[in-house]
Amino acid sequence: LQPGFEIEEKVPVKTNTTIPVPPVGMKDDLDR
């Protein structure tokens, strides 16, 4: 199991960019 797979499962940002609750950090990055 790869570390990226784990994150993707919990936070499918790549699949769905319109995530209702983006992960902390990713949201900060997108906000800026």
PDB file of N, CA and C in Angstrom:
ATOM      1  N   LEU A   1       0.852  -1.208   0.000  1.00  0.00           N
ATOM      2  CA  LEU A   1       0.000   0.000   0.000  1.00  0.00           C
ATOM      3  C   LEU A   1       0.884   1.252   0.000  1.00  0.00           C
ATOM      4  N   GLN A   2       0.663   2.118  -0.965  1.00  0.00           N
ATOM      5  CA  GLN A   2       1.483   3.332  -1.050  1.00  0.00           C
ATOM      6  C   GLN A   2       0.886   4.440  -0.176  1.00  0.00           C
ATOM      7  N   PRO A   3       1.730   5.351   0.317  1.00  0.00           N
ATOM      8  CA  PRO A   3       1.252   6.458   1.153  1.00  0.00           C
ATOM      9  C   PRO A   3       0.303   7.371   0.383  1.00  0.00           C
ATOM     10  N   GLY A   4       0.518   7.492  -0.912  1.00  0.00           N
ATOM     11  CA  GLY A   4      -0.347   8.354  -1.719  1.00  0.00           C
ATOM     12  C   GLY A   4      -1.749   7.779  -1.821  1.00  0.00           C
ATOM     13  N   PHE A   5      -1.819   6.443  -1.904  1.00  0.00           N
ATOM     14  CA  PHE A   5      -3.122   5.788  -2.017  1.00  0.00           C
ATOM     15  C   PHE A   5      -3.964   6.063  -0.777  1.00  0.00           C
ATOM     16  N   GLU A   6      -3.311   6.013   0.381  1.00  0.00           N
ATOM     17  CA  GLU A   6      -4.022   6.247   1.634  1.00  0.00           C
ATOM     18  C   GLU A   6      -4.646   7.652   1.636  1.00  0.00           C
ATOM     19  N   ILE A   7      -3.839   8.629   1.274  1.00  0.00           N
ATOM     20  CA  ILE A   7      -4.322  10.022   1.274  1.00  0.00           C
ATOM     21  C   ILE A   7      -5.443  10.186   0.245  1.00  0.00           C
ATOM     22  N   GLU A   8      -5.257   9.565  -0.911  1.00  0.00           N
ATOM     23  CA  GLU A   8      -6.267   9.693  -1.972  1.00  0.00           C
ATOM     24  C   GLU A   8      -7.603   9.136  -1.500  1.00  0.00           C
ATOM     25  N   GLU A   9      -7.551   8.035  -0.779  1.00  0.00           N
ATOM     26  CA  GLU A   9      -8.801   7.425  -0.296  1.00  0.00           C
ATOM     27  C   GLU A   9      -9.509   8.363   0.676  1.00  0.00           C
ATOM     28  N   LYS A  10      -8.755   8.939   1.588  1.00  0.00           N
ATOM     29  CA  LYS A  10      -9.372   9.828   2.583  1.00  0.00           C
ATOM     30  C   LYS A  10      -9.697  11.180   1.961  1.00  0.00           C
ATOM     31  N   VAL A  11      -8.812  11.665   1.102  1.00  0.00           N
ATOM     32  CA  VAL A  11      -9.022  12.980   0.501  1.00  0.00           C
ATOM     33  C   VAL A  11      -8.861  12.887  -1.013  1.00  0.00           C
ATOM     34  N   PRO A  12      -9.906  12.472  -1.699  1.00  0.00           N
ATOM     35  CA  PRO A  12      -9.832  12.361  -3.167  1.00  0.00           C
ATOM     36  C   PRO A  12      -9.863  13.733  -3.830  1.00  0.00           C
ATOM     37  N   VAL A  13      -8.813  14.498  -3.593  1.00  0.00           N
ATOM     38  CA  VAL A  13      -8.758  15.861  -4.146  1.00  0.00           C
ATOM     39  C   VAL A  13      -8.538  15.790  -5.652  1.00  0.00           C
ATOM     40  N   LYS A  14      -7.704  14.823  -6.069  1.00  0.00           N
ATOM     41  CA  LYS A  14      -7.407  14.717  -7.503  1.00  0.00           C
ATOM     42  C   LYS A  14      -8.659  14.322  -8.285  1.00  0.00           C
ATOM     43  N   THR A  15      -9.477  13.462  -7.677  1.00  0.00           N
ATOM     44  CA  THR A  15     -10.675  13.001  -8.378  1.00  0.00           C
ATOM     45  C   THR A  15     -11.764  14.077  -8.324  1.00  0.00           C
ATOM     46  N   ASN A  16     -11.925  14.685  -7.154  1.00  0.00           N
ATOM     47  CA  ASN A  16     -12.977  15.692  -7.004  1.00  0.00           C
ATOM     48  C   ASN A  16     -12.359  16.976  -6.461  1.00  0.00           C
ATOM     49  N   THR A  17     -12.180  17.955  -7.331  1.00  0.00           N
ATOM     50  CA  THR A  17     -11.576  19.216  -6.885  1.00  0.00           C
ATOM     51  C   THR A  17     -12.577  20.052  -6.097  1.00  0.00           C
ATOM     52  N   THR A  18     -13.871  19.784  -6.309  1.00  0.00           N
ATOM     53  CA  THR A  18     -14.891  20.563  -5.589  1.00  0.00           C
ATOM     54  C   THR A  18     -15.250  19.868  -4.289  1.00  0.00           C
ATOM     55  N   ILE A  19     -14.226  19.568  -3.501  1.00  0.00           N
ATOM     56  CA  ILE A  19     -14.449  18.864  -2.233  1.00  0.00           C
ATOM     57  C   ILE A  19     -15.078  19.838  -1.230  1.00  0.00           C
ATOM     58  N   PRO A  20     -16.121  19.412  -0.532  1.00  0.00           N
ATOM     59  CA  PRO A  20     -16.790  20.290   0.437  1.00  0.00           C
ATOM     60  C   PRO A  20     -15.864  20.662   1.596  1.00  0.00           C
ATOM     61  N   VAL A  21     -15.077  19.696   2.038  1.00  0.00           N
ATOM     62  CA  VAL A  21     -14.165  19.955   3.167  1.00  0.00           C
ATOM     63  C   VAL A  21     -12.757  19.541   2.773  1.00  0.00           C
ATOM     64  N   PRO A  22     -12.019  20.441   2.126  1.00  0.00           N
ATOM     65  CA  PRO A  22     -10.643  20.128   1.711  1.00  0.00           C
ATOM     66  C   PRO A  22      -9.738  19.938   2.924  1.00  0.00           C
ATOM     67  N   PRO A  23      -8.666  19.180   2.758  1.00  0.00           N
ATOM     68  CA  PRO A  23      -7.743  18.926   3.859  1.00  0.00           C
ATOM     69  C   PRO A  23      -6.967  20.181   4.245  1.00  0.00           C
ATOM     70  N   VAL A  24      -6.627  20.288   5.513  1.00  0.00           N
ATOM     71  CA  VAL A  24      -5.852  21.444   5.973  1.00  0.00           C
ATOM     72  C   VAL A  24      -4.509  21.444   5.259  1.00  0.00           C
ATOM     73  N   GLY A  25      -4.082  22.594   4.798  1.00  0.00           N
ATOM     74  CA  GLY A  25      -2.828  22.643   4.038  1.00  0.00           C
ATOM     75  C   GLY A  25      -3.171  22.715   2.558  1.00  0.00           C
ATOM     76  N   MET A  26      -3.906  21.707   2.083  1.00  0.00           N
ATOM     77  CA  MET A  26      -4.326  21.731   0.682  1.00  0.00           C
ATOM     78  C   MET A  26      -5.266  22.924   0.482  1.00  0.00           C
ATOM     79  N   LYS A  27      -6.175  23.117   1.437  1.00  0.00           N
ATOM     80  CA  LYS A  27      -7.105  24.241   1.344  1.00  0.00           C
ATOM     81  C   LYS A  27      -6.322  25.548   1.410  1.00  0.00           C
ATOM     82  N   ASP A  28      -5.339  25.585   2.297  1.00  0.00           N
ATOM     83  CA  ASP A  28      -4.508  26.781   2.427  1.00  0.00           C
ATOM     84  C   ASP A  28      -3.802  27.060   1.106  1.00  0.00           C
ATOM     85  N   ASP A  29      -3.304  25.991   0.493  1.00  0.00           N
ATOM     86  CA  ASP A  29      -2.583  26.143  -0.769  1.00  0.00           C
ATOM     87  C   ASP A  29      -3.534  26.639  -1.863  1.00  0.00           C
ATOM     88  N   LEU A  30      -4.754  26.085  -1.889  1.00  0.00           N
ATOM     89  CA  LEU A  30      -5.715  26.482  -2.924  1.00  0.00           C
ATOM     90  C   LEU A  30      -6.215  27.898  -2.647  1.00  0.00           C
ATOM     91  N   ASP A  31      -6.434  28.223  -1.375  1.00  0.00           N
ATOM     92  CA  ASP A  31      -6.921  29.548  -1.013  1.00  0.00           C
ATOM     93  C   ASP A  31      -5.916  30.613  -1.480  1.00  0.00           C
ATOM     94  N   ARG A  32      -4.647  30.310  -1.300  1.00  0.00           N
ATOM     95  CA  ARG A  32      -3.619  31.273  -1.702  1.00  0.00           C
ATOM     96  C   ARG A  32      -3.322  31.047  -3.156  1.00  0.00           C
TER      97      ARG A  32
END
